[in-house]
Amino acid sequence: MSTPTPEQKIASEISSLQSRLGRLQDGARLSRTRDALEDTQTKINGLPMRIKKLREAGYAFERELESQAEEFARQWASMNPSLVAATNQQAASLQAGLRPLETQMTQLATLKSNPAAARPVLDTLSAGMKTLEDKVSAAERQISGMYNALNSQVSALIFQLGKIEWMLNQIGRASCRERV
């Protein structure tokens, strides 16, 4: 097994940074945050139908389920615009931070046959990426924190509904067996 040449080593590091930059471009758009917001919206929108199906299946207890779902929808409707605005603002700032890194990546690609000249650019680019990755994580945490309490309450209700659905299913199975 031969030792890679300096050019091969730099080329490998550049390739790794290109992949990392691709992931960072996605991160700077706050795609995971946008997906999480959409998931929360979908969960909240689905609550009334799930509760309606439980009622149709004969579940007459916990009358507060409907009011909980309505309250979650009200809370979401009031906070969602600020969440979207914060996401858009943070994403714009993060994407602006990407531009210098993309320029450095282009510069680095032209230097891959000259390891001595490429090394300082590579190190600067790597440090810049780390800084921006940290900013992406901080933005994701900040936005998540703005609706985390509501999301936790919604998840708890969904879990509760799942248990009720399971129980009704078990009761249905047991009554089918008794008829046989």
Protein backbone atom coordinates (compact mmCIF):
# COMPACT_ATOMS: atom_id res chain seq x y z
CA MET A 1 0.00 0.00 0.00
CA SER A 2 1.55 3.28 -1.07
CA THR A 3 1.42 6.57 0.74
CA PRO A 4 -0.72 9.16 -1.05
CA THR A 5 1.12 12.01 -2.71
CA PRO A 6 0.57 15.54 -1.37
CA GLU A 7 -1.58 16.26 -4.43
CA GLN A 8 -3.72 13.18 -3.75
CA LYS A 9 -4.08 14.10 -0.09
CA ILE A 10 -5.17 17.68 -0.94
CA ALA A 11 -7.55 16.38 -3.62
CA SER A 12 -9.12 14.04 -1.05
CA GLU A 13 -9.50 16.83 1.50
CA ILE A 14 -11.02 19.13 -1.15
CA SER A 15 -13.50 16.42 -2.10
CA SER A 16 -14.44 16.01 1.55
CA LEU A 17 -14.90 19.77 1.92
CA GLN A 18 -17.06 19.88 -1.22
CA SER A 19 -19.38 17.27 0.30
CA ARG A 20 -19.41 19.16 3.58
CA LEU A 21 -20.22 22.40 1.75
CA GLY A 22 -23.15 20.70 0.02
CA ARG A 23 -24.57 19.63 3.37
CA LEU A 24 -23.93 23.12 4.74
CA GLN A 25 -25.83 24.70 1.83
CA ASP A 26 -28.83 22.57 2.76
CA GLY A 27 -28.35 23.41 6.43
CA ALA A 28 -28.14 27.14 5.71
CA ARG A 29 -31.56 26.97 4.05
CA LEU A 30 -32.75 25.55 7.40
CA SER A 31 -34.41 22.68 5.55
CA ARG A 32 -34.67 20.50 8.67
CA THR A 33 -36.31 23.37 10.56
CA ARG A 34 -38.77 23.99 7.73
CA ASP A 35 -39.57 20.25 7.62
CA ALA A 36 -40.11 20.19 11.39
CA LEU A 37 -42.48 23.17 11.16
CA GLU A 38 -44.45 21.44 8.39
CA ASP A 39 -44.57 18.21 10.42
CA THR A 40 -45.97 20.08 13.41
CA GLN A 41 -48.56 21.77 11.18
CA THR A 42 -49.57 18.39 9.75
CA LYS A 43 -49.85 16.80 13.19
CA ILE A 44 -52.02 19.63 14.49
CA ASN A 45 -54.22 19.61 11.38
CA GLY A 46 -54.74 15.86 11.75
CA LEU A 47 -55.90 15.93 15.37
CA PRO A 48 -59.60 16.74 14.77
CA MET A 49 -60.01 13.86 12.30
CA ARG A 50 -58.30 11.37 14.62
CA ILE A 51 -60.51 12.45 17.50
CA LYS A 52 -63.62 12.30 15.29
CA LYS A 53 -62.75 8.72 14.31
CA LEU A 54 -62.40 7.79 18.00
CA ARG A 55 -65.82 9.25 18.71
CA GLU A 56 -67.30 7.37 15.75
CA ALA A 57 -65.76 4.19 17.13
CA GLY A 58 -67.67 4.76 20.37
CA TYR A 59 -65.05 6.45 22.56
CA ALA A 60 -67.14 8.73 24.79
CA PHE A 61 -64.57 9.66 27.44
CA GLU A 62 -62.16 12.60 27.77
CA ARG A 63 -64.42 15.27 26.32
CA GLU A 64 -61.53 17.75 26.51
CA LEU A 65 -59.78 16.13 23.54
CA GLU A 66 -61.62 18.31 21.02
CA SER A 67 -60.95 21.50 22.96
CA GLN A 68 -57.27 20.56 23.30
CA ALA A 69 -57.01 20.09 19.53
CA GLU A 70 -58.75 23.42 18.94
CA GLU A 71 -56.45 25.18 21.39
CA PHE A 72 -53.36 23.71 19.73
CA ALA A 73 -54.64 24.93 16.36
CA ARG A 74 -55.20 28.43 17.79
CA GLN A 75 -51.76 28.53 19.37
CA TRP A 76 -50.13 27.31 16.17
CA ALA A 77 -52.00 29.83 14.04
CA SER A 78 -50.75 32.63 16.26
CA MET A 79 -47.11 31.49 16.46
CA ASN A 80 -46.56 30.04 12.97
CA PRO A 81 -46.12 33.41 11.19
CA SER A 82 -43.35 34.44 13.59
CA LEU A 83 -41.71 31.02 13.23
CA VAL A 84 -41.74 31.29 9.44
CA ALA A 85 -40.40 34.86 9.61
CA ALA A 86 -37.62 33.86 12.02
CA THR A 87 -36.72 30.89 9.82
CA ASN A 88 -36.59 33.07 6.70
CA GLN A 89 -34.51 35.73 8.47
CA GLN A 90 -32.04 33.22 9.89
CA ALA A 91 -31.79 31.36 6.56
CA ALA A 92 -31.03 34.61 4.69
CA SER A 93 -28.26 35.43 7.15
CA LEU A 94 -26.81 31.92 6.99
CA GLN A 95 -26.94 31.83 3.20
CA ALA A 96 -25.08 35.15 3.08
CA GLY A 97 -22.40 33.50 5.21
CA LEU A 98 -22.11 30.75 2.60
CA ARG A 99 -21.01 33.04 -0.24
CA PRO A 100 -17.43 33.59 0.97
CA LEU A 101 -17.08 29.85 1.59
CA GLU A 102 -18.29 29.05 -1.92
CA THR A 103 -15.77 31.54 -3.31
CA GLN A 104 -12.99 29.93 -1.30
CA MET A 105 -14.08 26.50 -2.55
CA THR A 106 -13.80 27.70 -6.14
CA GLN A 107 -10.36 29.13 -5.39
CA LEU A 108 -9.30 25.92 -3.68
CA ALA A 109 -10.33 23.81 -6.68
CA THR A 110 -7.89 25.75 -8.85
CA LEU A 111 -5.07 25.12 -6.33
CA LYS A 112 -5.40 21.36 -5.94
CA SER A 113 -2.28 20.68 -7.99
CA ASN A 114 -0.29 22.99 -5.69
CA PRO A 115 -0.56 21.58 -2.14
CA ALA A 116 1.59 24.30 -0.56
CA ALA A 117 -0.66 27.06 -1.89
CA ALA A 118 -3.85 25.08 -1.25
CA ARG A 119 -3.17 24.26 2.43
CA PRO A 120 -3.83 27.76 3.91
CA VAL A 121 -7.00 28.17 1.83
CA LEU A 122 -8.14 24.68 2.84
CA ASP A 123 -7.55 25.40 6.53
CA THR A 124 -9.34 28.77 6.34
CA LEU A 125 -12.25 27.22 4.48
CA SER A 126 -12.54 24.37 6.97
CA ALA A 127 -12.58 26.81 9.91
CA GLY A 128 -15.19 28.96 8.15
CA MET A 129 -17.36 25.92 7.56
CA LYS A 130 -17.15 24.92 11.21
CA THR A 131 -18.23 28.41 12.26
CA LEU A 132 -21.18 28.39 9.87
CA GLU A 133 -22.17 24.85 10.92
CA ASP A 134 -22.28 26.08 14.52
CA LYS A 135 -24.46 29.02 13.46
CA VAL A 136 -26.84 26.68 11.62
CA SER A 137 -27.16 24.50 14.74
CA ALA A 138 -27.77 27.56 16.93
CA ALA A 139 -30.47 28.85 14.55
CA GLU A 140 -32.18 25.45 14.49
CA ARG A 141 -32.16 25.29 18.29
CA GLN A 142 -33.43 28.85 18.63
CA ILE A 143 -36.38 28.32 16.29
CA SER A 144 -37.19 24.93 17.78
CA GLY A 145 -37.20 26.53 21.22
CA MET A 146 -39.87 28.98 20.06
CA TYR A 147 -42.45 26.18 19.67
CA ASN A 148 -40.97 23.26 21.58
CA ALA A 149 -43.52 23.42 24.42
CA LEU A 150 -46.47 23.30 22.02
CA ASN A 151 -44.84 20.56 19.95
CA SER A 152 -44.32 18.49 23.11
CA GLN A 153 -47.97 18.92 24.11
CA VAL A 154 -49.12 17.93 20.63
CA SER A 155 -46.87 14.86 20.70
CA ALA A 156 -48.25 13.89 24.11
CA LEU A 157 -51.82 14.13 22.80
CA ILE A 158 -50.90 12.10 19.72
CA PHE A 159 -49.39 9.44 21.97
CA GLN A 160 -52.56 9.43 24.09
CA LEU A 161 -54.73 9.09 20.97
CA GLY A 162 -52.57 6.20 19.81
CA LYS A 163 -53.16 4.39 23.10
CA ILE A 164 -56.91 4.95 22.81
CA GLU A 165 -56.89 3.70 19.20
CA TRP A 166 -54.98 0.60 20.28
CA MET A 167 -57.41 -0.01 23.14
CA LEU A 168 -60.44 0.33 20.85
CA ASN A 169 -58.81 -2.03 18.38
CA GLN A 170 -58.21 -4.60 21.13
CA ILE A 171 -61.80 -4.28 22.31
CA GLY A 172 -62.99 -4.77 18.72
CA ARG A 173 -60.87 -7.88 18.34
CA ALA A 174 -62.07 -9.32 21.63
CA SER A 175 -65.72 -8.77 20.75
CA CYS A 176 -65.17 -10.41 17.34
CA ARG A 177 -63.72 -13.49 19.05
CA GLU A 178 -66.66 -13.68 21.46
CA ARG A 179 -69.10 -13.74 18.56
CA VAL A 180 -67.37 -16.72 16.97
